[in-house]
């Protein structure tokens, strides 16, 4: 008898044994190869998850630092404006102080000049008095030499005083 596909007991037996062998081989390979590969993949997934979480935390920290630095920059602008304002106030105060000192110095110079002018005026007045005395002495000498009377002497003194006048005394 001819069989279709030549299926006999030996072939079925060999096929079943081959199937069982492949199954046990699959179990052994699964235990030896697939489980470590799965563990490796799980570890890798865990590392990636941790890296993503760390990156998210770092990103949040970076955002916080950026906000902090922006706040500091705004504070620095305010501080710089405050320092400039303070410097302006000090400069204005210094300017006012310098102007006041200059006015005081000018007042001292003017007072000193007035004092010198007054002293010079007194000196000139003294010189005029000395000249008047010299003129009076010359007049007296003339009077004595001319034997003039008292009325003539008084008129000469009055005439001399009128000629010299008060403006000569004050200039």
C-alpha atoms as a PDB file:
ATOM      1  CA  UNK A   1       0.000   0.000   0.000  1.00  0.00           C
ATOM      2  CA  UNK A   2       1.059   3.240  -0.900  1.00  0.00           C
ATOM      3  CA  UNK A   3       0.575   5.903   1.537  1.00  0.00           C
ATOM      4  CA  UNK A   4      -0.151   9.442   1.003  1.00  0.00           C
ATOM      5  CA  UNK A   5       2.770  11.576   2.163  1.00  0.00           C
ATOM      6  CA  UNK A   6       4.326   8.563   3.606  1.00  0.00           C
ATOM      7  CA  UNK A   7       2.945   9.089   7.087  1.00  0.00           C
ATOM      8  CA  UNK A   8       3.921   6.262   9.282  1.00  0.00           C
ATOM      9  CA  UNK A   9       4.329   5.859  13.004  1.00  0.00           C
ATOM     10  CA  UNK A  10       8.041   6.598  12.975  1.00  0.00           C
ATOM     11  CA  UNK A  11       7.502   9.916  11.234  1.00  0.00           C
ATOM     12  CA  UNK A  12       4.817  10.964  13.703  1.00  0.00           C
ATOM     13  CA  UNK A  13       6.959   9.831  16.600  1.00  0.00           C
ATOM     14  CA  UNK A  14       9.942  11.786  15.276  1.00  0.00           C
ATOM     15  CA  UNK A  15       7.744  14.833  14.657  1.00  0.00           C
ATOM     16  CA  UNK A  16       6.334  14.743  18.227  1.00  0.00           C
ATOM     17  CA  UNK A  17       9.810  14.286  19.701  1.00  0.00           C
ATOM     18  CA  UNK A  18      11.066  17.141  17.554  1.00  0.00           C
ATOM     19  CA  UNK A  19       8.173  19.348  18.720  1.00  0.00           C
ATOM     20  CA  UNK A  20       8.811  18.464  22.372  1.00  0.00           C
ATOM     21  CA  UNK A  21      12.518  19.120  21.893  1.00  0.00           C
ATOM     22  CA  UNK A  22      11.844  22.468  20.256  1.00  0.00           C
ATOM     23  CA  UNK A  23       9.446  23.341  23.116  1.00  0.00           C
ATOM     24  CA  UNK A  24      12.039  22.435  25.789  1.00  0.00           C
ATOM     25  CA  UNK A  25      14.717  24.189  23.789  1.00  0.00           C
ATOM     26  CA  UNK A  26      12.460  27.255  23.617  1.00  0.00           C
ATOM     27  CA  UNK A  27      11.925  27.092  27.419  1.00  0.00           C
ATOM     28  CA  UNK A  28      15.662  26.747  28.081  1.00  0.00           C
ATOM     29  CA  UNK A  29      16.551  29.503  25.619  1.00  0.00           C
ATOM     30  CA  UNK A  30      13.775  31.640  27.086  1.00  0.00           C
ATOM     31  CA  UNK A  31      15.239  31.150  30.545  1.00  0.00           C
ATOM     32  CA  UNK A  32      18.826  31.640  29.425  1.00  0.00           C
ATOM     33  CA  UNK A  33      18.419  34.293  26.700  1.00  0.00           C
ATOM     34  CA  UNK A  34      14.995  35.932  26.702  1.00  0.00           C
ATOM     35  CA  UNK A  35      14.725  36.626  30.459  1.00  0.00           C
ATOM     36  CA  UNK A  36      18.100  38.457  30.597  1.00  0.00           C
ATOM     37  CA  UNK A  37      17.156  40.341  27.442  1.00  0.00           C
ATOM     38  CA  UNK A  38      13.790  41.271  29.001  1.00  0.00           C
ATOM     39  CA  UNK A  39      15.560  42.277  32.220  1.00  0.00           C
ATOM     40  CA  UNK A  40      18.039  44.319  30.200  1.00  0.00           C
ATOM     41  CA  UNK A  41      15.172  46.025  28.376  1.00  0.00           C
ATOM     42  CA  UNK A  42      13.319  46.675  31.657  1.00  0.00           C
ATOM     43  CA  UNK A  43      16.477  48.138  33.207  1.00  0.00           C
ATOM     44  CA  UNK A  44      16.966  50.287  30.155  1.00  0.00           C
ATOM     45  CA  UNK A  45      13.363  51.493  30.308  1.00  0.00           C
ATOM     46  CA  UNK A  46      13.834  52.303  34.008  1.00  0.00           C
ATOM     47  CA  UNK A  47      17.029  54.253  33.278  1.00  0.00           C
ATOM     48  CA  UNK A  48      15.289  56.174  30.497  1.00  0.00           C
ATOM     49  CA  UNK A  49      12.342  56.923  32.821  1.00  0.00           C
ATOM     50  CA  UNK A  50      14.754  58.161  35.511  1.00  0.00           C
ATOM     51  CA  UNK A  51      16.658  60.241  32.943  1.00  0.00           C
ATOM     52  CA  UNK A  52      13.412  61.799  31.723  1.00  0.00           C
ATOM     53  CA  UNK A  53      12.364  62.568  35.299  1.00  0.00           C
ATOM     54  CA  UNK A  54      15.812  64.039  36.043  1.00  0.00           C
ATOM     55  CA  UNK A  55      15.664  66.101  32.862  1.00  0.00           C
ATOM     56  CA  UNK A  56      12.227  67.405  33.856  1.00  0.00           C
ATOM     57  CA  UNK A  57      13.534  68.307  37.331  1.00  0.00           C
ATOM     58  CA  UNK A  58      16.589  69.991  35.804  1.00  0.00           C
ATOM     59  CA  UNK A  59      14.318  71.889  33.430  1.00  0.00           C
ATOM     60  CA  UNK A  60      12.208  73.097  36.361  1.00  0.00           C
ATOM     61  CA  UNK A  61      15.345  74.129  38.251  1.00  0.00           C
ATOM     62  CA  UNK A  62      16.593  75.952  35.174  1.00  0.00           C
ATOM     63  CA  UNK A  63      13.261  77.787  34.879  1.00  0.00           C
ATOM     64  CA  UNK A  64      13.487  78.728  38.555  1.00  0.00           C
ATOM     65  CA  UNK A  65      17.057  79.978  38.066  1.00  0.00           C
ATOM     66  CA  UNK A  66      16.025  81.978  35.010  1.00  0.00           C
ATOM     67  CA  UNK A  67      13.184  83.571  36.991  1.00  0.00           C
ATOM     68  CA  UNK A  68      15.555  84.277  39.877  1.00  0.00           C
ATOM     69  CA  UNK A  69      18.164  85.847  37.570  1.00  0.00           C
ATOM     70  CA  UNK A  70      15.511  87.937  35.838  1.00  0.00           C
ATOM     71  CA  UNK A  71      14.322  89.136  39.249  1.00  0.00           C
ATOM     72  CA  UNK A  72      17.925  89.919  40.186  1.00  0.00           C
ATOM     73  CA  UNK A  73      18.414  91.797  36.907  1.00  0.00           C
ATOM     74  CA  UNK A  74      15.283  93.835  37.606  1.00  0.00           C
ATOM     75  CA  UNK A  75      16.611  94.444  41.108  1.00  0.00           C
ATOM     76  CA  UNK A  76      19.979  95.442  39.680  1.00  0.00           C
ATOM     77  CA  UNK A  77      18.267  97.967  37.390  1.00  0.00           C
ATOM     78  CA  UNK A  78      16.433  99.418  40.384  1.00  0.00           C
ATOM     79  CA  UNK A  79      19.638  99.399  42.431  1.00  0.00           C
ATOM     80  CA  UNK A  80      21.561 101.091  39.622  1.00  0.00           C
ATOM     81  CA  UNK A  81      18.836 103.746  39.372  1.00  0.00           C
ATOM     82  CA  UNK A  82      18.993 104.186  43.139  1.00  0.00           C
ATOM     83  CA  UNK A  83      22.784 104.543  43.045  1.00  0.00           C
ATOM     84  CA  UNK A  84      22.559 107.056  40.194  1.00  0.00           C
ATOM     85  CA  UNK A  85      19.886 109.008  42.056  1.00  0.00           C
ATOM     86  CA  UNK A  86      22.039 109.020  45.182  1.00  0.00           C
ATOM     87  CA  UNK A  87      25.044 110.178  43.141  1.00  0.00           C
ATOM     88  CA  UNK A  88      22.962 112.965  41.594  1.00  0.00           C
ATOM     89  CA  UNK A  89      21.830 114.095  45.045  1.00  0.00           C
ATOM     90  CA  UNK A  90      25.410 114.064  46.320  1.00  0.00           C
ATOM     91  CA  UNK A  91      26.609 115.970  43.254  1.00  0.00           C
ATOM     92  CA  UNK A  92      23.854 118.562  43.712  1.00  0.00           C
ATOM     93  CA  UNK A  93      24.692 118.904  47.402  1.00  0.00           C
ATOM     94  CA  UNK A  94      28.385 119.210  46.526  1.00  0.00           C
ATOM     95  CA  UNK A  95      27.565 121.816  43.874  1.00  0.00           C
ATOM     96  CA  UNK A  96      25.500 123.814  46.377  1.00  0.00           C
ATOM     97  CA  UNK A  97      28.309 123.565  48.914  1.00  0.00           C
ATOM     98  CA  UNK A  98      30.891 124.769  46.359  1.00  0.00           C
ATOM     99  CA  UNK A  99      28.628 127.651  45.307  1.00  0.00           C
ATOM    100  CA  UNK A 100      28.065 128.637  48.944  1.00  0.00           C
ATOM    101  CA  UNK A 101      31.808 128.501  49.625  1.00  0.00           C
ATOM    102  CA  UNK A 102      32.468 130.598  46.518  1.00  0.00           C
ATOM    103  CA  UNK A 103      29.885 133.167  47.655  1.00  0.00           C
ATOM    104  CA  UNK A 104      31.454 133.259  51.095  1.00  0.00           C
ATOM    105  CA  UNK A 105      34.895 133.704  49.549  1.00  0.00           C
ATOM    106  CA  UNK A 106      33.570 136.461  47.271  1.00  0.00           C
ATOM    107  CA  UNK A 107      31.977 138.188  50.275  1.00  0.00           C
ATOM    108  CA  UNK A 108      35.284 137.948  52.145  1.00  0.00           C
ATOM    109  CA  UNK A 109      37.159 139.354  49.147  1.00  0.00           C
ATOM    110  CA  UNK A 110      34.644 142.203  48.796  1.00  0.00           C
ATOM    111  CA  UNK A 111      34.809 142.937  52.528  1.00  0.00           C
ATOM    112  CA  UNK A 112      38.607 142.913  52.374  1.00  0.00           C
ATOM    113  CA  UNK A 113      38.549 145.196  49.314  1.00  0.00           C
ATOM    114  CA  UNK A 114      36.136 147.542  51.099  1.00  0.00           C
ATOM    115  CA  UNK A 115      38.408 147.585  54.134  1.00  0.00           C
ATOM    116  CA  UNK A 116      41.411 148.326  51.925  1.00  0.00           C
ATOM    117  CA  UNK A 117      39.447 151.054  50.140  1.00  0.00           C
ATOM    118  CA  UNK A 118      38.465 152.574  53.476  1.00  0.00           C
ATOM    119  CA  UNK A 119      42.075 152.441  54.644  1.00  0.00           C
ATOM    120  CA  UNK A 120      43.240 153.990  51.372  1.00  0.00           C
ATOM    121  CA  UNK A 121      40.596 156.684  51.720  1.00  0.00           C
ATOM    122  CA  UNK A 122      41.795 157.412  55.260  1.00  0.00           C
ATOM    123  CA  UNK A 123      45.387 157.504  54.045  1.00  0.00           C
ATOM    124  CA  UNK A 124      44.456 159.913  51.244  1.00  0.00           C
ATOM    125  CA  UNK A 125      42.493 162.037  53.713  1.00  0.00           C
ATOM    126  CA  UNK A 126      45.535 162.064  56.003  1.00  0.00           C
ATOM    127  CA  UNK A 127      47.727 163.108  53.077  1.00  0.00           C
ATOM    128  CA  UNK A 128      45.255 165.868  52.206  1.00  0.00           C
ATOM    129  CA  UNK A 129      45.292 166.991  55.828  1.00  0.00           C
ATOM    130  CA  UNK A 130      49.080 166.991  55.740  1.00  0.00           C
ATOM    131  CA  UNK A 131      49.001 169.037  52.555  1.00  0.00           C
ATOM    132  CA  UNK A 132      46.492 171.394  54.138  1.00  0.00           C
ATOM    133  CA  UNK A 133      48.741 171.739  57.142  1.00  0.00           C
ATOM    134  CA  UNK A 134      51.678 172.464  54.830  1.00  0.00           C
ATOM    135  CA  UNK A 135      49.562 174.988  52.911  1.00  0.00           C
ATOM    136  CA  UNK A 136      48.409 176.531  56.181  1.00  0.00           C
ATOM    137  CA  UNK A 137      52.006 176.724  57.343  1.00  0.00           C
ATOM    138  CA  UNK A 138      52.964 178.452  54.098  1.00  0.00           C
ATOM    139  CA  UNK A 139      50.037 180.785  54.496  1.00  0.00           C
ATOM    140  CA  UNK A 140      51.023 181.496  58.058  1.00  0.00           C
ATOM    141  CA  UNK A 141      54.508 182.229  56.869  1.00  0.00           C
ATOM    142  CA  UNK A 142      53.086 184.594  54.242  1.00  0.00           C
ATOM    143  CA  UNK A 143      50.810 186.146  56.824  1.00  0.00           C
ATOM    144  CA  UNK A 144      53.636 186.669  59.235  1.00  0.00           C
ATOM    145  CA  UNK A 145      55.814 188.093  56.494  1.00  0.00           C
ATOM    146  CA  UNK A 146      53.111 190.336  55.165  1.00  0.00           C
ATOM    147  CA  UNK A 147      51.931 191.394  58.647  1.00  0.00           C
ATOM    148  CA  UNK A 148      48.368 190.794  57.839  1.00  0.00           C
ATOM    149  CA  UNK A 149      45.549 191.207  60.198  1.00  0.00           C
ATOM    150  CA  UNK A 150      43.300 188.447  61.555  1.00  0.00           C
ATOM    151  CA  UNK A 151      40.469 189.003  59.109  1.00  0.00           C
ATOM    152  CA  UNK A 152      42.777 188.518  56.169  1.00  0.00           C
ATOM    153  CA  UNK A 153      44.165 185.316  57.709  1.00  0.00           C
ATOM    154  CA  UNK A 154      40.649 183.872  58.257  1.00  0.00           C
ATOM    155  CA  UNK A 155      39.620 184.772  54.761  1.00  0.00           C
ATOM    156  CA  UNK A 156      42.744 183.031  53.384  1.00  0.00           C
ATOM    157  CA  UNK A 157      42.045 179.873  55.453  1.00  0.00           C
ATOM    158  CA  UNK A 158      38.388 179.838  54.346  1.00  0.00           C
ATOM    159  CA  UNK A 159      39.394 180.416  50.754  1.00  0.00           C
ATOM    160  CA  UNK A 160      41.930 177.561  50.939  1.00  0.00           C
ATOM    161  CA  UNK A 161      39.369 175.207  52.467  1.00  0.00           C
ATOM    162  CA  UNK A 162      36.865 176.090  49.762  1.00  0.00           C
ATOM    163  CA  UNK A 163      39.460 175.395  47.086  1.00  0.00           C
ATOM    164  CA  UNK A 164      40.310 172.016  48.575  1.00  0.00           C
ATOM    165  CA  UNK A 165      36.660 171.287  49.373  1.00  0.00           C
ATOM    166  CA  UNK A 166      35.012 168.279  50.991  1.00  0.00           C
ATOM    167  CA  UNK A 167      35.148 166.224  47.775  1.00  0.00           C
ATOM    168  CA  UNK A 168      38.933 166.153  48.013  1.00  0.00           C
ATOM    169  CA  UNK A 169      38.680 164.776  51.505  1.00  0.00           C
ATOM    170  CA  UNK A 170      36.294 161.965  50.507  1.00  0.00           C
ATOM    171  CA  UNK A 171      37.847 160.754  47.258  1.00  0.00           C
END
